[in-house]
Amino acid sequence: SAPDNGVEQGDNQDTVSNPPFITRAAATSFNNITVYALAGKYDIQDLKDLATEKFRSRSDPYFWMQSDLFLALEVIYSNTPSGDRGLRDIISKLCAIRTDEFSENPRFRELMCKDGSMALDVLVHSRTIYKNDVKDLEELLTDVETEEKMLEAFITRGAMCTSCKSSSNLEVKTSQVQNKRFYILCTFCSVRHY
């Protein structure tokens, strides 16, 4: 008997079946995978698009338990042509978001070794996520530097402590208060201005 890999053999045509051990929450997503694969097989583009949108609606990477996500990854890559990017892009991006968490997982590593296109897709999405994170951090750093320069310019133009009215004892300091990056400290009376 052939191992159960989420594919049923019938009439010499493969169709996706729900794997035997998935969470109830993931079952709907597996139904969408099935509809997508069948719609692709029978060239029903509107149905394929609908299945894609329904699958995408559950594309929060933390909605999925690891085992369900790995199984969905395997079922999608086993039942869709390599050039069909619909569900492949969605599932590989979900895995890429959680790559740090998955990288030491033996099942994930096995899947990545088993299918080079799957591994490449996850890698490409991981790199995109990394590049976007770097870009976001660079923008944040620019914002922080700009804010600090604005405060220093404010002091240079003669800002005054509202408590002691000193203008020569003001310094920009890094804040530990949430949502406040900097504050102006009057070194004369120790008042912090946020």
N, C-alpha and C. Protein backbone atom coordinates (compact mmCIF):
# COMPACT_ATOMS: atom_id res chain seq x y z
N SER A 1 0.84 -1.19 0.00
CA SER A 1 0.00 0.00 0.00
C SER A 1 0.88 1.25 0.00
N ALA A 2 0.53 2.22 -0.82
CA ALA A 2 1.31 3.46 -0.91
C ALA A 2 1.07 4.32 0.32
N PRO A 3 2.07 5.07 0.74
CA PRO A 3 1.89 5.94 1.91
C PRO A 3 0.90 7.05 1.60
N ASP A 4 0.17 7.47 2.64
CA ASP A 4 -0.82 8.54 2.49
C ASP A 4 -0.08 9.88 2.53
N ASN A 5 -0.02 10.55 1.41
CA ASN A 5 0.66 11.84 1.34
C ASN A 5 -0.30 12.97 1.05
N GLY A 6 -1.60 12.74 1.31
CA GLY A 6 -2.59 13.78 1.07
C GLY A 6 -3.13 13.72 -0.35
N VAL A 7 -2.74 12.69 -1.12
CA VAL A 7 -3.23 12.55 -2.48
C VAL A 7 -3.95 11.22 -2.60
N GLU A 8 -5.17 11.25 -3.14
CA GLU A 8 -5.93 10.03 -3.37
C GLU A 8 -5.76 9.63 -4.82
N GLN A 9 -5.67 8.36 -5.08
CA GLN A 9 -5.62 7.86 -6.45
C GLN A 9 -7.02 7.40 -6.82
N GLY A 10 -7.52 7.88 -7.93
CA GLY A 10 -8.84 7.46 -8.38
C GLY A 10 -9.01 7.77 -9.84
N ASP A 11 -9.46 6.84 -10.60
CA ASP A 11 -9.63 7.02 -12.04
C ASP A 11 -8.33 7.49 -12.70
N ASN A 12 -7.19 7.06 -12.18
CA ASN A 12 -5.88 7.43 -12.69
C ASN A 12 -5.64 8.94 -12.69
N GLN A 13 -6.35 9.69 -11.86
CA GLN A 13 -6.15 11.13 -11.77
C GLN A 13 -5.99 11.49 -10.31
N ASP A 14 -4.96 12.29 -10.03
CA ASP A 14 -4.70 12.70 -8.65
C ASP A 14 -5.65 13.80 -8.23
N THR A 15 -6.17 13.69 -7.02
CA THR A 15 -6.93 14.78 -6.42
C THR A 15 -6.47 14.93 -4.99
N VAL A 16 -6.48 16.12 -4.48
CA VAL A 16 -6.03 16.40 -3.13
C VAL A 16 -7.11 15.97 -2.16
N SER A 17 -6.71 15.34 -1.07
CA SER A 17 -7.67 15.00 -0.02
C SER A 17 -7.24 15.67 1.27
N ASN A 18 -8.16 15.82 2.19
CA ASN A 18 -7.79 16.37 3.49
C ASN A 18 -6.91 15.36 4.21
N PRO A 19 -5.76 15.80 4.69
CA PRO A 19 -4.91 14.90 5.46
C PRO A 19 -5.64 14.43 6.71
N PRO A 20 -5.28 13.28 7.26
CA PRO A 20 -6.04 12.71 8.37
C PRO A 20 -5.90 13.46 9.70
N PHE A 21 -4.80 14.15 9.96
CA PHE A 21 -4.59 14.77 11.26
C PHE A 21 -4.28 16.25 11.12
N ILE A 22 -5.31 17.06 10.98
CA ILE A 22 -5.14 18.51 10.92
C ILE A 22 -6.12 19.14 11.91
N THR A 23 -5.82 20.35 12.32
CA THR A 23 -6.73 21.04 13.23
C THR A 23 -7.99 21.44 12.48
N ARG A 24 -9.05 21.61 13.22
CA ARG A 24 -10.32 22.03 12.62
C ARG A 24 -10.16 23.37 11.91
N ALA A 25 -9.37 24.27 12.50
CA ALA A 25 -9.16 25.59 11.89
C ALA A 25 -8.49 25.47 10.52
N ALA A 26 -7.59 24.52 10.36
CA ALA A 26 -6.87 24.36 9.09
C ALA A 26 -7.68 23.60 8.06
N ALA A 27 -8.71 22.88 8.47
CA ALA A 27 -9.49 22.06 7.54
C ALA A 27 -10.07 22.90 6.40
N THR A 28 -10.57 24.10 6.70
CA THR A 28 -11.11 24.98 5.67
C THR A 28 -10.04 25.34 4.65
N SER A 29 -8.85 25.60 5.13
CA SER A 29 -7.75 25.94 4.23
C SER A 29 -7.41 24.76 3.33
N PHE A 30 -7.44 23.55 3.89
CA PHE A 30 -7.17 22.37 3.07
C PHE A 30 -8.28 22.17 2.04
N ASN A 31 -9.51 22.51 2.37
CA ASN A 31 -10.59 22.45 1.38
C ASN A 31 -10.30 23.43 0.24
N ASN A 32 -9.79 24.61 0.59
CA ASN A 32 -9.46 25.59 -0.44
C ASN A 32 -8.31 25.11 -1.33
N ILE A 33 -7.36 24.40 -0.73
CA ILE A 33 -6.26 23.83 -1.52
C ILE A 33 -6.83 22.81 -2.51
N THR A 34 -7.75 21.98 -2.03
CA THR A 34 -8.38 20.98 -2.90
C THR A 34 -9.12 21.63 -4.05
N VAL A 35 -9.93 22.64 -3.75
CA VAL A 35 -10.69 23.34 -4.79
C VAL A 35 -9.73 23.98 -5.78
N TYR A 36 -8.67 24.59 -5.28
CA TYR A 36 -7.68 25.24 -6.15
C TYR A 36 -7.05 24.23 -7.11
N ALA A 37 -6.60 23.09 -6.56
CA ALA A 37 -5.95 22.08 -7.40
C ALA A 37 -6.92 21.54 -8.46
N LEU A 38 -8.15 21.26 -8.07
CA LEU A 38 -9.14 20.75 -9.03
C LEU A 38 -9.50 21.80 -10.07
N ALA A 39 -9.65 23.05 -9.64
CA ALA A 39 -9.96 24.13 -10.58
C ALA A 39 -8.83 24.31 -11.58
N GLY A 40 -7.60 24.15 -11.12
CA GLY A 40 -6.47 24.22 -12.03
C GLY A 40 -6.47 23.07 -13.02
N LYS A 41 -6.76 21.89 -12.49
CA LYS A 41 -6.78 20.69 -13.33
C LYS A 41 -7.83 20.80 -14.44
N TYR A 42 -8.99 21.34 -14.10
CA TYR A 42 -10.08 21.45 -15.06
C TYR A 42 -10.17 22.83 -15.69
N ASP A 43 -9.17 23.65 -15.45
CA ASP A 43 -9.06 24.97 -16.06
C ASP A 43 -10.29 25.84 -15.82
N ILE A 44 -10.67 25.98 -14.54
CA ILE A 44 -11.79 26.84 -14.15
C ILE A 44 -11.19 28.02 -13.36
N GLN A 45 -10.76 29.04 -14.09
CA GLN A 45 -10.00 30.14 -13.52
C GLN A 45 -10.76 30.89 -12.42
N ASP A 46 -12.06 31.15 -12.62
CA ASP A 46 -12.82 31.89 -11.60
C ASP A 46 -12.85 31.12 -10.27
N LEU A 47 -13.00 29.82 -10.33
CA LEU A 47 -13.02 29.00 -9.12
C LEU A 47 -11.64 28.97 -8.48
N LYS A 48 -10.63 28.92 -9.30
CA LYS A 48 -9.25 28.95 -8.80
C LYS A 48 -8.97 30.27 -8.09
N ASP A 49 -9.41 31.37 -8.68
CA ASP A 49 -9.24 32.70 -8.07
C ASP A 49 -9.97 32.79 -6.74
N LEU A 50 -11.19 32.24 -6.69
CA LEU A 50 -11.97 32.25 -5.45
C LEU A 50 -11.25 31.43 -4.36
N ALA A 51 -10.76 30.26 -4.72
CA ALA A 51 -10.04 29.43 -3.75
C ALA A 51 -8.78 30.14 -3.26
N THR A 52 -8.11 30.84 -4.15
CA THR A 52 -6.91 31.61 -3.77
C THR A 52 -7.27 32.68 -2.76
N GLU A 53 -8.33 33.44 -3.02
CA GLU A 53 -8.73 34.51 -2.11
C GLU A 53 -9.16 33.95 -0.75
N LYS A 54 -9.86 32.86 -0.75
CA LYS A 54 -10.29 32.25 0.52
C LYS A 54 -9.07 31.73 1.28
N PHE A 55 -8.13 31.14 0.58
CA PHE A 55 -6.90 30.66 1.23
C PHE A 55 -6.11 31.85 1.77
N ARG A 56 -6.01 32.92 0.96
CA ARG A 56 -5.28 34.11 1.38
C ARG A 56 -5.90 34.74 2.64
N SER A 57 -7.23 34.62 2.77
CA SER A 57 -7.90 35.20 3.93
C SER A 57 -7.46 34.53 5.24
N ARG A 58 -6.88 33.36 5.13
CA ARG A 58 -6.34 32.66 6.31
C ARG A 58 -4.82 32.66 6.27
N SER A 59 -4.27 33.73 5.72
CA SER A 59 -2.82 33.74 5.53
C SER A 59 -2.05 34.41 6.65
N ASP A 60 -2.66 34.55 7.81
CA ASP A 60 -1.90 35.00 8.97
C ASP A 60 -0.96 33.86 9.35
N PRO A 61 0.34 34.11 9.34
CA PRO A 61 1.27 33.00 9.58
C PRO A 61 1.11 32.36 10.96
N TYR A 62 0.54 33.08 11.91
CA TYR A 62 0.41 32.53 13.25
C TYR A 62 -0.95 31.89 13.48
N PHE A 63 -1.79 31.88 12.44
CA PHE A 63 -3.05 31.14 12.46
C PHE A 63 -2.75 29.64 12.44
N TRP A 64 -1.69 29.28 11.78
CA TRP A 64 -1.36 27.89 11.51
C TRP A 64 -0.51 27.27 12.61
N MET A 65 -0.84 26.04 12.97
CA MET A 65 0.07 25.24 13.78
C MET A 65 1.18 24.79 12.83
N GLN A 66 2.38 24.58 13.37
CA GLN A 66 3.51 24.19 12.52
C GLN A 66 3.19 22.97 11.67
N SER A 67 2.66 21.93 12.29
CA SER A 67 2.42 20.69 11.55
C SER A 67 1.42 20.91 10.40
N ASP A 68 0.39 21.72 10.63
CA ASP A 68 -0.59 22.02 9.58
C ASP A 68 0.06 22.82 8.44
N LEU A 69 0.89 23.79 8.80
CA LEU A 69 1.54 24.62 7.80
C LEU A 69 2.49 23.78 6.94
N PHE A 70 3.25 22.90 7.58
CA PHE A 70 4.17 22.04 6.84
C PHE A 70 3.40 21.12 5.89
N LEU A 71 2.29 20.59 6.38
CA LEU A 71 1.48 19.70 5.55
C LEU A 71 0.87 20.46 4.37
N ALA A 72 0.37 21.67 4.64
CA ALA A 72 -0.19 22.49 3.56
C ALA A 72 0.89 22.81 2.53
N LEU A 73 2.08 23.13 2.99
CA LEU A 73 3.20 23.40 2.10
C LEU A 73 3.46 22.20 1.19
N GLU A 74 3.53 21.04 1.79
CA GLU A 74 3.80 19.83 1.03
C GLU A 74 2.66 19.52 0.05
N VAL A 75 1.43 19.61 0.49
CA VAL A 75 0.28 19.31 -0.37
C VAL A 75 0.21 20.29 -1.54
N ILE A 76 0.42 21.56 -1.28
CA ILE A 76 0.37 22.56 -2.35
C ILE A 76 1.46 22.29 -3.39
N TYR A 77 2.68 22.07 -2.93
CA TYR A 77 3.78 21.84 -3.87
C TYR A 77 3.65 20.50 -4.59
N SER A 78 2.97 19.55 -4.00
CA SER A 78 2.78 18.24 -4.64
C SER A 78 1.64 18.25 -5.64
N ASN A 79 0.74 19.22 -5.54
CA ASN A 79 -0.48 19.19 -6.35
C ASN A 79 -0.69 20.39 -7.26
N THR A 80 0.35 21.21 -7.39
CA THR A 80 0.26 22.34 -8.32
C THR A 80 1.49 22.34 -9.21
N PRO A 81 1.33 22.76 -10.46
CA PRO A 81 2.49 22.84 -11.36
C PRO A 81 3.48 23.90 -10.88
N SER A 82 4.74 23.72 -11.18
CA SER A 82 5.77 24.64 -10.69
C SER A 82 5.55 26.07 -11.16
N GLY A 83 4.95 26.27 -12.32
CA GLY A 83 4.72 27.63 -12.81
C GLY A 83 3.47 28.29 -12.25
N ASP A 84 2.68 27.56 -11.49
CA ASP A 84 1.45 28.08 -10.90
C ASP A 84 1.79 28.72 -9.56
N ARG A 85 1.86 30.05 -9.53
CA ARG A 85 2.35 30.77 -8.36
C ARG A 85 1.29 31.04 -7.31
N GLY A 86 0.01 30.87 -7.64
CA GLY A 86 -1.09 31.24 -6.74
C GLY A 86 -0.88 30.87 -5.29
N LEU A 87 -1.13 29.61 -4.93
CA LEU A 87 -1.00 29.18 -3.54
C LEU A 87 0.45 29.00 -3.13
N ARG A 88 1.31 28.70 -4.08
CA ARG A 88 2.73 28.51 -3.77
C ARG A 88 3.33 29.78 -3.16
N ASP A 89 3.03 30.92 -3.75
CA ASP A 89 3.57 32.17 -3.21
C ASP A 89 3.01 32.47 -1.82
N ILE A 90 1.74 32.19 -1.63
CA ILE A 90 1.13 32.47 -0.32
C ILE A 90 1.75 31.59 0.75
N ILE A 91 1.81 30.28 0.52
CA ILE A 91 2.30 29.36 1.55
C ILE A 91 3.80 29.52 1.78
N SER A 92 4.57 29.76 0.72
CA SER A 92 6.02 29.92 0.93
C SER A 92 6.32 31.22 1.68
N LYS A 93 5.49 32.24 1.46
CA LYS A 93 5.68 33.49 2.22
C LYS A 93 5.33 33.28 3.70
N LEU A 94 4.26 32.52 3.96
CA LEU A 94 3.90 32.22 5.35
C LEU A 94 5.06 31.51 6.06
N CYS A 95 5.67 30.58 5.37
CA CYS A 95 6.81 29.86 5.97
C CYS A 95 8.01 30.78 6.13
N ALA A 96 8.23 31.66 5.16
CA ALA A 96 9.36 32.59 5.23
C ALA A 96 9.24 33.51 6.44
N ILE A 97 8.03 33.92 6.76
CA ILE A 97 7.82 34.81 7.91
C ILE A 97 8.25 34.12 9.20
N ARG A 98 8.08 32.81 9.24
CA ARG A 98 8.41 32.05 10.46
C ARG A 98 9.69 31.23 10.32
N THR A 99 10.55 31.59 9.36
CA THR A 99 11.77 30.82 9.11
C THR A 99 12.65 30.71 10.35
N ASP A 100 12.79 31.77 11.11
CA ASP A 100 13.62 31.68 12.32
C ASP A 100 13.12 30.59 13.26
N GLU A 101 11.83 30.52 13.40
CA GLU A 101 11.19 29.52 14.26
C GLU A 101 11.34 28.11 13.67
N PHE A 102 11.26 28.01 12.36
CA PHE A 102 11.25 26.70 11.70
C PHE A 102 12.63 26.14 11.39
N SER A 103 13.64 26.99 11.33
CA SER A 103 14.93 26.59 10.76
C SER A 103 15.55 25.35 11.41
N GLU A 104 15.28 25.11 12.68
CA GLU A 104 15.83 23.93 13.34
C GLU A 104 14.84 22.78 13.42
N ASN A 105 13.65 22.96 12.85
CA ASN A 105 12.63 21.92 12.90
C ASN A 105 12.97 20.82 11.88
N PRO A 106 13.12 19.58 12.32
CA PRO A 106 13.50 18.50 11.39
C PRO A 106 12.51 18.32 10.24
N ARG A 107 11.23 18.47 10.48
CA ARG A 107 10.23 18.30 9.42
C ARG A 107 10.38 19.39 8.36
N PHE A 108 10.58 20.63 8.80
CA PHE A 108 10.76 21.73 7.88
C PHE A 108 12.03 21.52 7.05
N ARG A 109 13.09 21.12 7.70
CA ARG A 109 14.36 20.88 7.00
C ARG A 109 14.20 19.75 5.98
N GLU A 110 13.45 18.72 6.36
CA GLU A 110 13.20 17.61 5.45
C GLU A 110 12.45 18.10 4.20
N LEU A 111 11.44 18.93 4.40
CA LEU A 111 10.67 19.46 3.27
C LEU A 111 11.55 20.33 2.36
N MET A 112 12.40 21.14 2.97
CA MET A 112 13.27 22.01 2.18
C MET A 112 14.27 21.18 1.36
N CYS A 113 14.76 20.10 1.93
CA CYS A 113 15.70 19.22 1.21
C CYS A 113 15.00 18.41 0.13
N LYS A 114 13.77 18.07 0.37
CA LYS A 114 12.99 17.22 -0.54
C LYS A 114 12.63 17.94 -1.84
N ASP A 115 12.35 19.23 -1.76
CA ASP A 115 11.87 19.96 -2.94
C ASP A 115 12.63 21.28 -3.06
N GLY A 116 13.55 21.31 -4.02
CA GLY A 116 14.38 22.51 -4.21
C GLY A 116 13.58 23.75 -4.56
N SER A 117 12.49 23.59 -5.35
CA SER A 117 11.70 24.77 -5.71
C SER A 117 11.00 25.34 -4.49
N MET A 118 10.58 24.47 -3.59
CA MET A 118 9.95 24.91 -2.34
C MET A 118 10.98 25.69 -1.51
N ALA A 119 12.16 25.13 -1.38
CA ALA A 119 13.22 25.78 -0.59
C ALA A 119 13.59 27.13 -1.20
N LEU A 120 13.69 27.17 -2.53
CA LEU A 120 14.03 28.43 -3.19
C LEU A 120 12.94 29.48 -2.98
N ASP A 121 11.69 29.08 -3.09
CA ASP A 121 10.59 30.03 -2.88
C ASP A 121 10.61 30.60 -1.46
N VAL A 122 10.82 29.73 -0.47
CA VAL A 122 10.88 30.20 0.92
C VAL A 122 12.08 31.13 1.10
N LEU A 123 13.21 30.77 0.50
CA LEU A 123 14.41 31.61 0.59
C LEU A 123 14.18 32.98 -0.03
N VAL A 124 13.57 33.01 -1.22
CA VAL A 124 13.32 34.29 -1.90
C VAL A 124 12.40 35.17 -1.06
N HIS A 125 11.34 34.58 -0.51
CA HIS A 125 10.44 35.38 0.34
C HIS A 125 11.14 35.82 1.62
N SER A 126 11.99 34.98 2.18
CA SER A 126 12.74 35.34 3.39
C SER A 126 13.64 36.55 3.11
N ARG A 127 14.29 36.51 1.96
CA ARG A 127 15.18 37.62 1.59
C ARG A 127 14.39 38.91 1.40
N THR A 128 13.23 38.82 0.77
CA THR A 128 12.38 39.99 0.58
C THR A 128 11.95 40.57 1.93
N ILE A 129 11.55 39.69 2.84
CA ILE A 129 11.15 40.13 4.18
C ILE A 129 12.33 40.80 4.88
N TYR A 130 13.51 40.19 4.78
CA TYR A 130 14.71 40.75 5.39
C TYR A 130 15.02 42.13 4.81
N LYS A 131 14.96 42.25 3.47
CA LYS A 131 15.24 43.53 2.83
C LYS A 131 14.24 44.59 3.28
N ASN A 132 12.97 44.21 3.39
CA ASN A 132 11.95 45.16 3.86
C ASN A 132 12.20 45.57 5.30
N ASP A 133 12.61 44.61 6.14
CA ASP A 133 12.92 44.92 7.54
C ASP A 133 14.10 45.88 7.63
N VAL A 134 15.13 45.64 6.82
CA VAL A 134 16.30 46.53 6.81
C VAL A 134 15.88 47.92 6.36
N LYS A 135 15.05 47.99 5.31
CA LYS A 135 14.58 49.29 4.83
C LYS A 135 13.79 50.01 5.92
N ASP A 136 12.90 49.29 6.60
CA ASP A 136 12.12 49.90 7.69
C ASP A 136 13.03 50.41 8.80
N LEU A 137 14.04 49.63 9.15
CA LEU A 137 14.98 50.07 10.20
C LEU A 137 15.79 51.29 9.76
N GLU A 138 16.19 51.32 8.50
CA GLU A 138 16.92 52.48 7.98
C GLU A 138 16.04 53.73 8.03
N GLU A 139 14.76 53.58 7.67
CA GLU A 139 13.84 54.72 7.73
C GLU A 139 13.64 55.18 9.17
N LEU A 140 13.53 54.23 10.09
CA LEU A 140 13.38 54.57 11.50
C LEU A 140 14.62 55.30 12.01
N LEU A 141 15.79 54.81 11.62
CA LEU A 141 17.03 55.47 12.03
C LEU A 141 17.09 56.89 11.49
N THR A 142 16.68 57.08 10.25
CA THR A 142 16.65 58.42 9.67
C THR A 142 15.67 59.31 10.44
N ASP A 143 14.51 58.78 10.79
CA ASP A 143 13.53 59.54 11.58
C ASP A 143 14.11 59.94 12.93
N VAL A 144 14.79 59.00 13.57
CA VAL A 144 15.39 59.26 14.89
C VAL A 144 16.47 60.34 14.77
N GLU A 145 17.32 60.20 13.78
CA GLU A 145 18.38 61.20 13.59
C GLU A 145 17.79 62.57 13.30
N THR A 146 16.74 62.61 12.50
CA THR A 146 16.08 63.88 12.18
C THR A 146 15.46 64.50 13.43
N GLU A 147 14.80 63.67 14.22
CA GLU A 147 14.18 64.17 15.46
C GLU A 147 15.24 64.72 16.40
N GLU A 148 16.34 64.02 16.53
CA GLU A 148 17.41 64.49 17.42
C GLU A 148 17.98 65.82 16.92
N LYS A 149 18.20 65.92 15.61
CA LYS A 149 18.73 67.17 15.04
C LYS A 149 17.75 68.32 15.24
N MET A 150 16.45 68.05 15.12
CA MET A 150 15.45 69.10 15.33
C MET A 150 15.49 69.59 16.77
N LEU A 151 15.62 68.67 17.71
CA LEU A 151 15.68 69.08 19.12
C LEU A 151 16.95 69.89 19.40
N GLU A 152 18.06 69.45 18.82
CA GLU A 152 19.31 70.20 19.01
C GLU A 152 19.20 71.60 18.40
N ALA A 153 18.56 71.69 17.24
CA ALA A 153 18.36 73.01 16.61
C ALA A 153 17.45 73.87 17.47
N PHE A 154 16.44 73.25 18.07
CA PHE A 154 15.52 73.96 18.95
C PHE A 154 16.30 74.57 20.13
N ILE A 155 17.21 73.81 20.69
CA ILE A 155 18.03 74.30 21.81
C ILE A 155 18.95 75.42 21.33
N THR A 156 19.58 75.22 20.18
CA THR A 156 20.52 76.20 19.64
C THR A 156 19.85 77.55 19.40
N ARG A 157 18.57 77.52 19.01
CA ARG A 157 17.86 78.78 18.72
C ARG A 157 17.36 79.48 19.97
N GLY A 158 17.78 79.01 21.13
CA GLY A 158 17.45 79.74 22.35
C GLY A 158 16.28 79.20 23.13
N ALA A 159 16.02 77.91 23.03
CA ALA A 159 14.95 77.31 23.84
C ALA A 159 15.26 77.52 25.31
N MET A 160 14.20 77.56 26.10
CA MET A 160 14.36 77.85 27.51
C MET A 160 13.67 76.80 28.36
N CYS A 161 14.25 76.43 29.47
CA CYS A 161 13.62 75.52 30.41
C CYS A 161 12.38 76.22 30.97
N THR A 162 11.25 75.54 30.94
CA THR A 162 10.01 76.15 31.43
C THR A 162 9.99 76.24 32.95
N SER A 163 10.88 75.52 33.60
CA SER A 163 10.91 75.53 35.06
C SER A 163 11.82 76.63 35.61
N CYS A 164 13.10 76.65 35.16
CA CYS A 164 14.06 77.62 35.72
C CYS A 164 14.42 78.74 34.73
N LYS A 165 13.88 78.69 33.54
CA LYS A 165 14.10 79.69 32.49
C LYS A 165 15.53 79.74 31.97
N SER A 166 16.33 78.70 32.28
CA SER A 166 17.70 78.64 31.77
C SER A 166 17.67 78.24 30.31
N SER A 167 18.58 78.81 29.53
CA SER A 167 18.67 78.42 28.13
C SER A 167 20.03 77.84 27.79
N SER A 168 20.98 77.94 28.69
CA SER A 168 22.34 77.47 28.40
C SER A 168 22.62 76.09 28.97
N ASN A 169 21.68 75.51 29.69
CA ASN A 169 21.92 74.22 30.34
C ASN A 169 21.03 73.11 29.79
N LEU A 170 20.63 73.20 28.53
CA LEU A 170 19.74 72.20 27.94
C LEU A 170 20.53 71.22 27.08
N GLU A 171 20.18 69.93 27.22
CA GLU A 171 20.83 68.88 26.44
C GLU A 171 19.78 67.89 25.94
N VAL A 172 20.02 67.32 24.76
CA VAL A 172 19.15 66.27 24.22
C VAL A 172 19.63 64.94 24.78
N LYS A 173 18.70 64.19 25.35
CA LYS A 173 19.02 62.88 25.94
C LYS A 173 18.10 61.82 25.33
N THR A 174 18.57 60.58 25.35
CA THR A 174 17.76 59.46 24.88
C THR A 174 16.78 59.07 25.97
N SER A 175 15.52 58.90 25.57
CA SER A 175 14.45 58.61 26.52
C SER A 175 14.27 57.10 26.72
N GLN A 176 13.87 56.73 27.92
CA GLN A 176 13.50 55.35 28.21
C GLN A 176 11.98 55.22 28.31
N VAL A 177 11.27 56.32 28.10
CA VAL A 177 9.81 56.33 28.17
C VAL A 177 9.25 55.82 26.85
N GLN A 178 8.27 54.93 26.94
CA GLN A 178 7.67 54.37 25.73
C GLN A 178 7.08 55.46 24.85
N ASN A 179 7.27 55.35 23.55
CA ASN A 179 6.78 56.29 22.54
C ASN A 179 7.47 57.65 22.57
N LYS A 180 8.53 57.78 23.35
CA LYS A 180 9.31 59.01 23.37
C LYS A 180 10.77 58.63 23.13
N ARG A 181 11.33 59.14 22.03
CA ARG A 181 12.72 58.77 21.71
C ARG A 181 13.73 59.62 22.47
N PHE A 182 13.39 60.90 22.61
CA PHE A 182 14.32 61.84 23.23
C PHE A 182 13.58 62.76 24.20
N TYR A 183 14.35 63.41 25.02
CA TYR A 183 13.82 64.48 25.84
C TYR A 183 14.91 65.53 25.97
N ILE A 184 14.50 66.70 26.38
CA ILE A 184 15.47 67.77 26.63
C ILE A 184 15.62 67.86 28.14
N LEU A 185 16.86 67.77 28.60
CA LEU A 185 17.15 67.82 30.03
C LEU A 185 17.78 69.17 30.36
N CYS A 186 17.24 69.81 31.37
CA CYS A 186 17.87 71.02 31.89
C CYS A 186 18.86 70.54 32.95
N THR A 187 20.14 70.69 32.67
CA THR A 187 21.15 70.20 33.61
C THR A 187 21.25 71.11 34.84
N PHE A 188 20.63 72.28 34.78
CA PHE A 188 20.66 73.19 35.91
C PHE A 188 19.63 72.79 36.98
N CYS A 189 18.37 72.51 36.56
CA CYS A 189 17.34 72.17 37.54
C CYS A 189 16.88 70.71 37.43
N SER A 190 17.46 69.93 36.50
CA SER A 190 17.16 68.50 36.30
C SER A 190 15.74 68.20 35.83
N VAL A 191 15.05 69.17 35.24
CA VAL A 191 13.72 68.94 34.71
C VAL A 191 13.85 68.35 33.31
N ARG A 192 13.02 67.35 33.07
CA ARG A 192 12.99 66.72 31.74
C ARG A 192 11.81 67.28 30.97
N HIS A 193 12.07 67.67 29.74
CA HIS A 193 11.02 68.20 28.86
C HIS A 193 10.82 67.20 27.72
N TYR A 194 9.60 66.65 27.62
CA TYR A 194 9.28 65.67 26.58
C TYR A 194 8.54 66.33 25.45
